[in-house]
């Protein structure tokens, strides 16, 4: 990994070690999934985790969206059904280990590109506020999903354009959950 390490990174690495040790000690076929950028309907997203949903919700209710940095930071995003399918595929044919489960290069998108997709799907402009970058924020993070692809045949299928439209539609249909006047 390149960049500043934070306690979050340490906690994730510790979890992977626990899974490895437990699996080895008890003869269990287990895996650690490094899940990245998951989003989809029914997600109530926060500022750091679930940011695609957070952007869609804030766009729908007219709240400002804070961008830390330039907004040109790139992340891979993964639709929730694709994440769920990774678990099924691993269960059916995976080997023990650590796997990156994310969108990969084909699902990489900058924060600003994602916002533009949300605005296009919703027909509403977003109010953006820019703040300085934060400790540990990466400018570019796209995971290598090759091990999951070759190990148990998993690949993400829902493209960002389709997934963003689905989450925007769900948010619009459920505005009452967020203090709006939805159906």
N, C-alpha and C. Protein backbone atom coordinates (compact mmCIF):
# COMPACT_ATOMS: atom_id res chain seq x y z
N UNK A 1 0.84 -1.18 0.00
CA UNK A 1 0.00 0.00 0.00
C UNK A 1 0.88 1.24 0.00
N UNK A 2 0.47 2.22 -0.75
CA UNK A 2 1.18 3.49 -0.80
C UNK A 2 0.29 4.54 -0.16
N UNK A 3 0.85 5.38 0.66
CA UNK A 3 0.07 6.43 1.30
C UNK A 3 0.20 6.35 2.81
N UNK A 4 -0.59 7.15 3.47
CA UNK A 4 -0.56 7.22 4.93
C UNK A 4 -1.43 6.11 5.51
N UNK A 5 -0.84 5.34 6.41
CA UNK A 5 -1.60 4.29 7.09
C UNK A 5 -2.34 4.90 8.27
N UNK A 6 -3.55 4.41 8.50
CA UNK A 6 -4.38 4.90 9.60
C UNK A 6 -4.80 3.72 10.48
N UNK A 7 -5.39 3.99 11.64
CA UNK A 7 -5.91 2.88 12.46
C UNK A 7 -6.93 2.02 11.72
N UNK A 8 -7.68 2.58 10.80
CA UNK A 8 -8.62 1.79 10.01
C UNK A 8 -7.88 0.70 9.24
N UNK A 9 -6.76 1.04 8.63
CA UNK A 9 -5.98 0.05 7.88
C UNK A 9 -5.49 -1.06 8.80
N UNK A 10 -5.04 -0.69 9.99
CA UNK A 10 -4.54 -1.69 10.95
C UNK A 10 -5.66 -2.62 11.39
N UNK A 11 -6.85 -2.09 11.62
CA UNK A 11 -7.96 -2.94 12.07
C UNK A 11 -8.36 -3.93 10.98
N UNK A 12 -8.32 -3.51 9.73
CA UNK A 12 -8.66 -4.42 8.64
C UNK A 12 -7.62 -5.53 8.52
N UNK A 13 -6.34 -5.18 8.63
CA UNK A 13 -5.27 -6.19 8.56
C UNK A 13 -5.37 -7.17 9.72
N UNK A 14 -5.73 -6.68 10.90
CA UNK A 14 -5.89 -7.56 12.06
C UNK A 14 -7.02 -8.55 11.83
N UNK A 15 -8.13 -8.09 11.26
CA UNK A 15 -9.24 -8.98 10.96
C UNK A 15 -8.85 -10.09 10.01
N UNK A 16 -8.06 -9.76 8.99
CA UNK A 16 -7.59 -10.78 8.05
C UNK A 16 -6.74 -11.82 8.75
N UNK A 17 -5.89 -11.38 9.67
CA UNK A 17 -5.04 -12.32 10.42
C UNK A 17 -5.89 -13.25 11.28
N UNK A 18 -6.91 -12.71 11.95
CA UNK A 18 -7.79 -13.54 12.76
C UNK A 18 -8.45 -14.63 11.91
N UNK A 19 -8.92 -14.27 10.74
CA UNK A 19 -9.57 -15.26 9.87
C UNK A 19 -8.57 -16.33 9.45
N UNK A 20 -7.36 -15.94 9.06
CA UNK A 20 -6.35 -16.91 8.65
C UNK A 20 -6.03 -17.89 9.78
N UNK A 21 -5.79 -17.34 10.98
CA UNK A 21 -5.42 -18.18 12.12
C UNK A 21 -6.56 -19.12 12.50
N UNK A 22 -7.78 -18.60 12.56
CA UNK A 22 -8.93 -19.43 12.91
C UNK A 22 -9.12 -20.54 11.88
N UNK A 23 -9.05 -20.19 10.62
CA UNK A 23 -9.24 -21.18 9.56
C UNK A 23 -8.17 -22.26 9.64
N UNK A 24 -6.94 -21.87 9.88
CA UNK A 24 -5.85 -22.83 9.98
C UNK A 24 -6.00 -23.72 11.21
N UNK A 25 -6.34 -23.12 12.33
CA UNK A 25 -6.45 -23.86 13.59
C UNK A 25 -7.61 -24.85 13.57
N UNK A 26 -8.67 -24.54 12.86
CA UNK A 26 -9.87 -25.37 12.89
C UNK A 26 -10.18 -26.06 11.56
N UNK A 27 -9.28 -25.94 10.59
CA UNK A 27 -9.49 -26.62 9.31
C UNK A 27 -10.70 -26.12 8.54
N UNK A 28 -10.95 -24.84 8.62
CA UNK A 28 -12.11 -24.25 7.97
C UNK A 28 -11.68 -23.56 6.68
N UNK A 29 -12.47 -23.74 5.63
CA UNK A 29 -12.22 -23.01 4.39
C UNK A 29 -12.86 -21.64 4.55
N UNK A 30 -12.05 -20.64 4.76
CA UNK A 30 -12.57 -19.30 5.03
C UNK A 30 -11.80 -18.29 4.19
N UNK A 31 -12.44 -17.15 4.01
CA UNK A 31 -11.81 -16.08 3.24
C UNK A 31 -12.09 -14.73 3.89
N UNK A 32 -11.20 -13.83 3.65
CA UNK A 32 -11.42 -12.43 3.99
C UNK A 32 -11.68 -11.69 2.69
N UNK A 33 -12.75 -10.95 2.66
CA UNK A 33 -13.06 -10.14 1.49
C UNK A 33 -12.74 -8.69 1.81
N UNK A 34 -11.93 -8.09 0.98
CA UNK A 34 -11.65 -6.66 1.06
C UNK A 34 -12.68 -5.97 0.17
N UNK A 35 -13.78 -5.59 0.77
CA UNK A 35 -14.90 -5.00 0.04
C UNK A 35 -14.67 -3.50 -0.15
N UNK A 36 -14.88 -3.02 -1.36
CA UNK A 36 -14.67 -1.59 -1.61
C UNK A 36 -15.87 -0.96 -2.30
N UNK A 37 -16.20 0.24 -1.89
CA UNK A 37 -17.15 1.09 -2.58
C UNK A 37 -18.53 0.52 -2.81
N UNK A 38 -19.08 -0.23 -1.87
CA UNK A 38 -20.39 -0.86 -2.07
C UNK A 38 -21.50 0.19 -2.00
N UNK A 39 -22.46 0.05 -2.90
CA UNK A 39 -23.62 0.95 -2.93
C UNK A 39 -24.81 0.22 -3.51
N UNK A 40 -25.98 0.72 -3.22
CA UNK A 40 -27.18 0.16 -3.81
C UNK A 40 -28.43 0.58 -3.05
N UNK A 41 -29.59 0.20 -3.58
CA UNK A 41 -30.86 0.54 -2.92
C UNK A 41 -30.88 0.04 -1.48
N UNK A 42 -31.60 0.77 -0.65
CA UNK A 42 -31.78 0.49 0.78
C UNK A 42 -30.54 0.84 1.61
N UNK A 43 -29.56 1.44 1.00
CA UNK A 43 -28.37 1.86 1.74
C UNK A 43 -28.57 3.30 2.21
N UNK A 44 -28.30 3.53 3.47
CA UNK A 44 -28.49 4.86 4.04
C UNK A 44 -27.17 5.62 4.11
N UNK A 45 -26.18 5.21 3.41
CA UNK A 45 -24.85 5.76 3.28
C UNK A 45 -24.41 6.91 4.15
N UNK A 46 -23.16 6.85 4.56
CA UNK A 46 -22.54 7.91 5.33
C UNK A 46 -21.51 8.64 4.49
N UNK A 47 -20.88 9.61 5.10
CA UNK A 47 -19.93 10.45 4.39
C UNK A 47 -18.71 9.66 3.91
N UNK A 48 -18.23 8.73 4.72
CA UNK A 48 -17.03 7.98 4.35
C UNK A 48 -17.34 6.63 3.71
N UNK A 49 -18.24 5.89 4.31
CA UNK A 49 -18.60 4.58 3.79
C UNK A 49 -20.04 4.65 3.33
N UNK A 50 -20.24 4.24 2.10
CA UNK A 50 -21.57 4.41 1.52
C UNK A 50 -21.73 5.78 0.89
N UNK A 51 -20.63 6.31 0.40
CA UNK A 51 -20.64 7.69 -0.10
C UNK A 51 -21.50 7.86 -1.36
N UNK A 52 -21.65 6.84 -2.19
CA UNK A 52 -22.50 6.98 -3.38
C UNK A 52 -23.95 7.21 -2.92
N UNK A 53 -24.40 6.39 -1.97
CA UNK A 53 -25.76 6.57 -1.43
C UNK A 53 -25.88 7.92 -0.74
N UNK A 54 -24.87 8.30 0.01
CA UNK A 54 -24.89 9.59 0.70
C UNK A 54 -25.05 10.73 -0.30
N UNK A 55 -24.31 10.68 -1.40
CA UNK A 55 -24.43 11.70 -2.44
C UNK A 55 -25.84 11.71 -3.03
N UNK A 56 -26.39 10.53 -3.32
CA UNK A 56 -27.73 10.45 -3.93
C UNK A 56 -28.79 10.99 -2.98
N UNK A 57 -28.68 10.66 -1.69
CA UNK A 57 -29.66 11.13 -0.71
C UNK A 57 -29.56 12.64 -0.55
N UNK A 58 -28.35 13.16 -0.42
CA UNK A 58 -28.18 14.61 -0.26
C UNK A 58 -28.65 15.36 -1.50
N UNK A 59 -28.42 14.79 -2.67
CA UNK A 59 -28.92 15.41 -3.90
C UNK A 59 -30.45 15.47 -3.88
N UNK A 60 -31.08 14.39 -3.42
CA UNK A 60 -32.55 14.31 -3.44
C UNK A 60 -33.20 15.27 -2.46
N UNK A 61 -32.59 15.47 -1.29
CA UNK A 61 -33.22 16.32 -0.28
C UNK A 61 -32.66 17.74 -0.27
N UNK A 62 -31.71 18.00 -1.18
CA UNK A 62 -31.20 19.36 -1.31
C UNK A 62 -30.17 19.77 -0.27
N UNK A 63 -29.55 18.80 0.37
CA UNK A 63 -28.50 19.12 1.33
C UNK A 63 -27.17 19.26 0.60
N UNK A 64 -26.27 20.10 1.08
CA UNK A 64 -24.96 20.24 0.44
C UNK A 64 -24.14 18.97 0.59
N UNK A 65 -23.25 18.76 -0.35
CA UNK A 65 -22.35 17.61 -0.35
C UNK A 65 -20.94 18.15 -0.14
N UNK A 66 -20.25 17.64 0.87
CA UNK A 66 -18.88 18.06 1.14
C UNK A 66 -17.93 17.12 0.44
N UNK A 67 -17.04 17.69 -0.33
CA UNK A 67 -15.98 16.95 -1.01
C UNK A 67 -14.67 17.31 -0.33
N UNK A 68 -13.97 16.31 0.16
CA UNK A 68 -12.66 16.53 0.77
C UNK A 68 -11.61 16.33 -0.31
N UNK A 69 -10.91 17.39 -0.67
CA UNK A 69 -9.96 17.35 -1.77
C UNK A 69 -10.59 17.98 -3.01
N UNK A 70 -10.14 17.54 -4.17
CA UNK A 70 -10.56 18.15 -5.43
C UNK A 70 -11.82 17.55 -6.02
N UNK A 71 -12.18 16.35 -5.58
CA UNK A 71 -13.29 15.64 -6.20
C UNK A 71 -12.83 14.78 -7.37
N UNK A 72 -11.57 14.91 -7.72
CA UNK A 72 -11.03 14.10 -8.82
C UNK A 72 -10.48 12.76 -8.31
N UNK A 73 -10.62 12.52 -6.99
CA UNK A 73 -10.18 11.24 -6.45
C UNK A 73 -10.97 10.12 -7.12
N UNK A 74 -10.30 9.05 -7.45
CA UNK A 74 -10.92 7.93 -8.16
C UNK A 74 -11.08 6.76 -7.21
N UNK A 75 -12.27 6.15 -7.27
CA UNK A 75 -12.58 4.96 -6.50
C UNK A 75 -13.28 3.97 -7.42
N UNK A 76 -13.15 2.69 -7.10
CA UNK A 76 -14.00 1.73 -7.80
C UNK A 76 -15.24 1.53 -6.94
N UNK A 77 -16.37 1.42 -7.60
CA UNK A 77 -17.62 1.22 -6.87
C UNK A 77 -18.23 -0.12 -7.26
N UNK A 78 -18.94 -0.71 -6.31
CA UNK A 78 -19.46 -2.06 -6.48
C UNK A 78 -20.91 -2.11 -6.05
N UNK A 79 -21.79 -2.49 -6.97
CA UNK A 79 -23.21 -2.59 -6.66
C UNK A 79 -23.44 -3.75 -5.70
N UNK A 80 -24.37 -3.58 -4.78
CA UNK A 80 -24.59 -4.53 -3.69
C UNK A 80 -24.87 -5.95 -4.18
N UNK A 81 -25.62 -6.10 -5.26
CA UNK A 81 -25.90 -7.46 -5.75
C UNK A 81 -24.63 -8.14 -6.25
N UNK A 82 -23.69 -7.37 -6.78
CA UNK A 82 -22.41 -7.95 -7.19
C UNK A 82 -21.61 -8.40 -5.97
N UNK A 83 -21.65 -7.63 -4.90
CA UNK A 83 -20.96 -8.03 -3.67
C UNK A 83 -21.56 -9.32 -3.13
N UNK A 84 -22.89 -9.41 -3.10
CA UNK A 84 -23.55 -10.62 -2.63
C UNK A 84 -23.17 -11.82 -3.49
N UNK A 85 -23.10 -11.62 -4.80
CA UNK A 85 -22.74 -12.71 -5.70
C UNK A 85 -21.33 -13.22 -5.42
N UNK A 86 -20.44 -12.34 -4.99
CA UNK A 86 -19.07 -12.77 -4.66
C UNK A 86 -19.09 -13.81 -3.54
N UNK A 87 -19.95 -13.61 -2.54
CA UNK A 87 -20.04 -14.57 -1.45
C UNK A 87 -20.57 -15.92 -1.95
N UNK A 88 -21.57 -15.89 -2.81
CA UNK A 88 -22.13 -17.12 -3.37
C UNK A 88 -21.07 -17.85 -4.19
N UNK A 89 -20.38 -17.10 -5.06
CA UNK A 89 -19.37 -17.72 -5.91
C UNK A 89 -18.23 -18.32 -5.09
N UNK A 90 -17.81 -17.62 -4.03
CA UNK A 90 -16.77 -18.17 -3.16
C UNK A 90 -17.26 -19.45 -2.50
N UNK A 91 -18.46 -19.42 -1.97
CA UNK A 91 -19.02 -20.59 -1.29
C UNK A 91 -19.04 -21.80 -2.23
N UNK A 92 -19.41 -21.56 -3.47
CA UNK A 92 -19.54 -22.66 -4.42
C UNK A 92 -18.20 -23.21 -4.92
N UNK A 93 -17.17 -22.35 -5.06
CA UNK A 93 -15.94 -22.85 -5.67
C UNK A 93 -14.67 -22.13 -5.26
N UNK A 94 -14.69 -21.39 -4.16
CA UNK A 94 -13.50 -20.64 -3.77
C UNK A 94 -12.55 -21.38 -2.86
N UNK A 95 -11.31 -20.98 -2.90
CA UNK A 95 -10.27 -21.48 -2.01
C UNK A 95 -10.06 -20.47 -0.89
N UNK A 96 -9.62 -20.95 0.26
CA UNK A 96 -9.34 -20.06 1.38
C UNK A 96 -8.34 -18.99 0.95
N UNK A 97 -8.48 -17.80 1.53
CA UNK A 97 -7.53 -16.73 1.21
C UNK A 97 -8.12 -15.36 1.41
N UNK A 98 -7.41 -14.38 0.89
CA UNK A 98 -7.82 -12.99 0.96
C UNK A 98 -8.12 -12.53 -0.46
N UNK A 99 -9.28 -11.90 -0.63
CA UNK A 99 -9.72 -11.48 -1.96
C UNK A 99 -10.15 -10.02 -1.95
N UNK A 100 -9.74 -9.30 -2.98
CA UNK A 100 -10.25 -7.95 -3.20
C UNK A 100 -11.58 -8.07 -3.94
N UNK A 101 -12.63 -7.54 -3.34
CA UNK A 101 -13.95 -7.58 -3.94
C UNK A 101 -14.40 -6.14 -4.12
N UNK A 102 -14.21 -5.64 -5.31
CA UNK A 102 -14.57 -4.26 -5.63
C UNK A 102 -14.94 -4.17 -7.10
N UNK A 103 -15.09 -2.98 -7.55
CA UNK A 103 -15.48 -2.80 -8.94
C UNK A 103 -14.39 -3.04 -9.95
N UNK A 104 -13.12 -2.87 -9.52
CA UNK A 104 -12.01 -3.00 -10.45
C UNK A 104 -11.98 -1.84 -11.43
N UNK A 105 -11.04 -1.86 -12.34
CA UNK A 105 -10.85 -0.74 -13.28
C UNK A 105 -12.08 -0.39 -14.11
N UNK A 106 -12.90 -1.39 -14.46
CA UNK A 106 -14.07 -1.13 -15.30
C UNK A 106 -15.16 -0.36 -14.56
N UNK A 107 -15.06 -0.29 -13.23
CA UNK A 107 -16.06 0.40 -12.42
C UNK A 107 -15.45 1.57 -11.65
N UNK A 108 -14.33 2.07 -12.14
CA UNK A 108 -13.66 3.20 -11.50
C UNK A 108 -14.34 4.50 -11.91
N UNK A 109 -14.46 5.40 -10.94
CA UNK A 109 -15.16 6.66 -11.19
C UNK A 109 -14.63 7.70 -10.21
N UNK A 110 -14.49 8.93 -10.65
CA UNK A 110 -14.09 9.98 -9.72
C UNK A 110 -15.32 10.44 -8.94
N UNK A 111 -15.10 11.08 -7.82
CA UNK A 111 -16.21 11.59 -7.03
C UNK A 111 -17.07 12.54 -7.87
N UNK A 112 -16.43 13.43 -8.62
CA UNK A 112 -17.17 14.38 -9.44
C UNK A 112 -17.93 13.68 -10.57
N UNK A 113 -17.33 12.66 -11.18
CA UNK A 113 -18.04 11.91 -12.22
C UNK A 113 -19.28 11.22 -11.63
N UNK A 114 -19.13 10.68 -10.44
CA UNK A 114 -20.28 10.04 -9.79
C UNK A 114 -21.37 11.07 -9.52
N UNK A 115 -20.99 12.23 -9.03
CA UNK A 115 -21.98 13.29 -8.78
C UNK A 115 -22.70 13.69 -10.06
N UNK A 116 -21.97 13.80 -11.15
CA UNK A 116 -22.59 14.16 -12.43
C UNK A 116 -23.57 13.09 -12.87
N UNK A 117 -23.24 11.82 -12.63
CA UNK A 117 -24.17 10.73 -12.96
C UNK A 117 -25.43 10.80 -12.10
N UNK A 118 -25.25 11.12 -10.84
CA UNK A 118 -26.40 11.26 -9.94
C UNK A 118 -27.28 12.42 -10.41
N UNK A 119 -26.66 13.53 -10.75
CA UNK A 119 -27.42 14.70 -11.21
C UNK A 119 -28.16 14.39 -12.52
N UNK A 120 -27.51 13.64 -13.42
CA UNK A 120 -28.15 13.29 -14.68
C UNK A 120 -29.35 12.37 -14.43
N UNK A 121 -29.19 11.42 -13.51
CA UNK A 121 -30.28 10.48 -13.22
C UNK A 121 -31.43 11.15 -12.47
N UNK A 122 -31.11 12.13 -11.63
CA UNK A 122 -32.15 12.77 -10.81
C UNK A 122 -32.75 14.00 -11.45
N UNK A 123 -32.00 14.64 -12.35
CA UNK A 123 -32.45 15.90 -12.93
C UNK A 123 -32.27 17.08 -11.97
N UNK A 124 -31.48 16.87 -10.90
CA UNK A 124 -31.26 17.94 -9.91
C UNK A 124 -29.77 18.23 -9.79
N UNK A 125 -29.44 19.50 -9.65
CA UNK A 125 -28.05 19.89 -9.39
C UNK A 125 -27.75 19.69 -7.90
N UNK A 126 -26.49 19.46 -7.59
CA UNK A 126 -26.05 19.31 -6.20
C UNK A 126 -25.30 20.55 -5.76
N UNK A 127 -25.48 20.91 -4.51
CA UNK A 127 -24.68 21.98 -3.92
C UNK A 127 -23.42 21.34 -3.36
N UNK A 128 -22.27 21.76 -3.87
CA UNK A 128 -20.99 21.18 -3.45
C UNK A 128 -20.21 22.15 -2.56
N UNK A 129 -19.60 21.60 -1.54
CA UNK A 129 -18.68 22.33 -0.67
C UNK A 129 -17.36 21.57 -0.68
N UNK A 130 -16.29 22.29 -0.87
CA UNK A 130 -14.97 21.66 -0.91
C UNK A 130 -14.21 21.99 0.36
N UNK A 131 -13.60 20.95 0.93
CA UNK A 131 -12.76 21.06 2.12
C UNK A 131 -11.40 20.45 1.80
N UNK A 132 -10.38 20.75 2.60
CA UNK A 132 -9.07 20.14 2.35
C UNK A 132 -9.12 18.61 2.48
N UNK A 133 -8.20 17.94 1.81
CA UNK A 133 -8.08 16.49 1.94
C UNK A 133 -7.85 16.12 3.39
N UNK A 134 -8.22 14.89 3.75
CA UNK A 134 -8.05 14.42 5.12
C UNK A 134 -6.93 13.38 5.20
N UNK A 135 -6.40 13.19 6.40
CA UNK A 135 -5.36 12.20 6.65
C UNK A 135 -5.83 10.83 6.17
N UNK A 136 -5.03 10.17 5.37
CA UNK A 136 -5.34 8.82 4.90
C UNK A 136 -6.17 8.75 3.64
N UNK A 137 -6.72 9.88 3.18
CA UNK A 137 -7.49 9.88 1.93
C UNK A 137 -6.55 9.61 0.75
N UNK A 138 -6.92 8.67 -0.08
CA UNK A 138 -6.11 8.36 -1.24
C UNK A 138 -6.66 9.10 -2.46
N UNK A 139 -5.76 9.50 -3.34
CA UNK A 139 -6.19 10.19 -4.56
C UNK A 139 -6.74 9.20 -5.58
N UNK A 140 -6.24 7.97 -5.53
CA UNK A 140 -6.65 6.95 -6.49
C UNK A 140 -6.67 5.61 -5.78
N UNK A 141 -7.81 4.93 -5.81
CA UNK A 141 -7.88 3.58 -5.27
C UNK A 141 -8.81 2.75 -6.13
N UNK A 142 -8.23 1.81 -6.82
CA UNK A 142 -8.98 0.85 -7.62
C UNK A 142 -8.37 -0.51 -7.31
N UNK A 143 -9.18 -1.43 -6.83
CA UNK A 143 -8.61 -2.72 -6.41
C UNK A 143 -8.44 -3.68 -7.58
N UNK A 144 -7.49 -4.57 -7.39
CA UNK A 144 -7.21 -5.62 -8.36
C UNK A 144 -8.07 -6.82 -7.98
N UNK A 145 -9.07 -7.13 -8.80
CA UNK A 145 -10.00 -8.21 -8.50
C UNK A 145 -9.60 -9.52 -9.20
N UNK A 146 -8.40 -9.55 -9.75
CA UNK A 146 -7.95 -10.70 -10.52
C UNK A 146 -7.98 -12.02 -9.76
N UNK A 147 -7.64 -12.00 -8.49
CA UNK A 147 -7.62 -13.25 -7.71
C UNK A 147 -9.02 -13.83 -7.56
N UNK A 148 -10.03 -12.98 -7.34
CA UNK A 148 -11.41 -13.46 -7.25
C UNK A 148 -11.90 -13.95 -8.61
N UNK A 149 -11.48 -13.29 -9.65
CA UNK A 149 -11.89 -13.69 -11.01
C UNK A 149 -11.34 -15.07 -11.33
N UNK A 150 -10.05 -15.27 -11.10
CA UNK A 150 -9.46 -16.57 -11.43
C UNK A 150 -9.76 -17.62 -10.36
N UNK A 151 -9.89 -17.21 -9.10
CA UNK A 151 -10.08 -18.16 -8.01
C UNK A 151 -11.47 -18.78 -7.95
N UNK A 152 -12.50 -17.97 -8.23
CA UNK A 152 -13.85 -18.55 -8.18
C UNK A 152 -14.80 -17.94 -9.21
N UNK A 153 -14.23 -17.32 -10.23
CA UNK A 153 -15.02 -16.89 -11.37
C UNK A 153 -15.89 -15.67 -11.16
N UNK A 154 -15.59 -14.88 -10.15
CA UNK A 154 -16.43 -13.73 -9.85
C UNK A 154 -15.98 -12.49 -10.61
N UNK A 155 -16.94 -11.77 -11.17
CA UNK A 155 -16.70 -10.45 -11.76
C UNK A 155 -17.94 -9.58 -11.49
N UNK A 156 -17.74 -8.30 -11.26
CA UNK A 156 -18.90 -7.42 -11.09
C UNK A 156 -19.62 -7.23 -12.42
N UNK A 157 -20.93 -7.14 -12.37
CA UNK A 157 -21.73 -7.05 -13.60
C UNK A 157 -22.48 -5.72 -13.75
N UNK A 158 -22.87 -5.11 -12.66
CA UNK A 158 -23.67 -3.88 -12.73
C UNK A 158 -22.73 -2.69 -12.94
N UNK A 159 -22.87 -2.06 -14.10
CA UNK A 159 -22.03 -0.90 -14.44
C UNK A 159 -22.43 0.30 -13.59
N UNK A 160 -21.50 1.21 -13.31
CA UNK A 160 -21.83 2.37 -12.50
C UNK A 160 -23.02 3.17 -13.01
N UNK A 161 -23.16 3.33 -14.32
CA UNK A 161 -24.27 4.12 -14.85
C UNK A 161 -25.62 3.49 -14.44
N UNK A 162 -25.71 2.17 -14.57
CA UNK A 162 -26.94 1.45 -14.22
C UNK A 162 -27.16 1.49 -12.71
N UNK A 163 -26.12 1.23 -11.94
CA UNK A 163 -26.25 1.21 -10.48
C UNK A 163 -26.63 2.56 -9.91
N UNK A 164 -26.03 3.63 -10.43
CA UNK A 164 -26.36 4.97 -9.96
C UNK A 164 -27.82 5.28 -10.26
N UNK A 165 -28.29 4.94 -11.45
CA UNK A 165 -29.71 5.16 -11.78
C UNK A 165 -30.61 4.40 -10.81
N UNK A 166 -30.23 3.18 -10.46
CA UNK A 166 -31.07 2.38 -9.54
C UNK A 166 -31.12 3.00 -8.15
N UNK A 167 -29.98 3.46 -7.63
CA UNK A 167 -30.00 4.02 -6.29
C UNK A 167 -30.72 5.36 -6.26
N UNK A 168 -30.57 6.16 -7.31
CA UNK A 168 -31.29 7.43 -7.38
C UNK A 168 -32.79 7.17 -7.43
N UNK A 169 -33.21 6.21 -8.21
CA UNK A 169 -34.63 5.86 -8.28
C UNK A 169 -35.17 5.40 -6.93
N UNK A 170 -34.39 4.57 -6.23
CA UNK A 170 -34.83 4.09 -4.92
C UNK A 170 -34.95 5.25 -3.93
N UNK A 171 -33.94 6.13 -3.92
CA UNK A 171 -33.98 7.29 -3.02
C UNK A 171 -35.22 8.14 -3.33
N UNK A 172 -35.46 8.41 -4.60
CA UNK A 172 -36.62 9.23 -4.98
C UNK A 172 -37.94 8.60 -4.54
N UNK A 173 -38.03 7.28 -4.64
CA UNK A 173 -39.27 6.59 -4.23
C UNK A 173 -39.42 6.51 -2.71
N UNK A 174 -38.37 6.79 -1.99
CA UNK A 174 -38.39 6.64 -0.53
C UNK A 174 -37.95 7.90 0.20
N UNK A 175 -38.27 9.05 -0.36
CA UNK A 175 -37.85 10.31 0.25
C UNK A 175 -38.31 10.47 1.70
N UNK A 176 -39.43 9.87 2.05
CA UNK A 176 -39.94 9.98 3.41
C UNK A 176 -38.94 9.44 4.44
N UNK A 177 -38.13 8.49 4.04
CA UNK A 177 -37.10 7.96 4.94
C UNK A 177 -36.08 9.03 5.33
N UNK A 178 -35.94 10.02 4.49
CA UNK A 178 -34.91 11.03 4.68
C UNK A 178 -35.49 12.39 5.05
N UNK A 179 -36.75 12.41 5.41
CA UNK A 179 -37.39 13.66 5.79
C UNK A 179 -38.01 14.41 4.63
N UNK A 180 -38.06 13.76 3.45
CA UNK A 180 -38.68 14.38 2.28
C UNK A 180 -40.12 13.96 2.14
N UNK A 181 -40.68 14.20 0.98
CA UNK A 181 -42.10 13.86 0.76
C UNK A 181 -42.23 12.80 -0.33
N UNK A 182 -41.59 11.64 -0.13
CA UNK A 182 -41.67 10.57 -1.11
C UNK A 182 -42.91 9.72 -0.95
N UNK A 183 -43.04 8.72 -1.80
CA UNK A 183 -44.18 7.82 -1.77
C UNK A 183 -44.02 6.73 -0.74
